[in-house]
Amino acid sequence: MAGAQPGVHALQLKRVSVTESLRTGDKFIKWDDDCTTVTPVTLRVDPQGYFLYWTDQNKETDLLDVSLIKDTRNGRFAKMPKEAKQRELLDVGTLEGRLENRTLTVVSGADMVNITCLNFTAFSEEVAKEWAEELFSLALNLLAQNMSRESCLEKVLSSQTQHGCVSQLLGSTFR
């Protein structure tokens, strides 16, 4: 044991780093299995990497906690629409690449039994692949999974900011 060095075996944890393309967002088409409508959305990740959120044409915003993401799928592993009408809507001629390579499926849930799939279709294969890889790395980040109390408070305030409620919350709390 003379040559053993303390701390060499320790895992080097990387801080959460959200790429510029995820922060600024990309255009996607959101679709559900249970209905035949498709919705154009802008998909973004907040700068701290806490939430994935999308805004539709009516400026309505939905969000998903990144820590609830279990898997992101792209290519042949992504969920494909079953309805022919829906496939036609998603596979218009101005888009680059095959439909399955442009599809991004985000699998999320509080546990591995009760999961939900969110389906998005990008306008190019490269965008869908980048989003699948980056979202999965954010979801698996060990520092994000084991946050401090301060980070948890920042996350709560960040979620309120995404919904525009932080001014009301801070105004009533800190008077």
Foldseek 3Di string as FASTA:
>chain_A
DVPDDPPPPDDDADADADDPDQAVFAWKWWDDQVDLDIFIWTWHAHGRRQWIWIATPVRDMDIDGLLFFDAKDAAPVADDHPDPSSVPVLDDDQADDDFRLQKIWTWGDPDPPDIDIIIIGHRYNVVRVVVRVSSVCSNPRPCVVVDDPVVVVVSVLVVCVVVPNNVVVCVVPPD
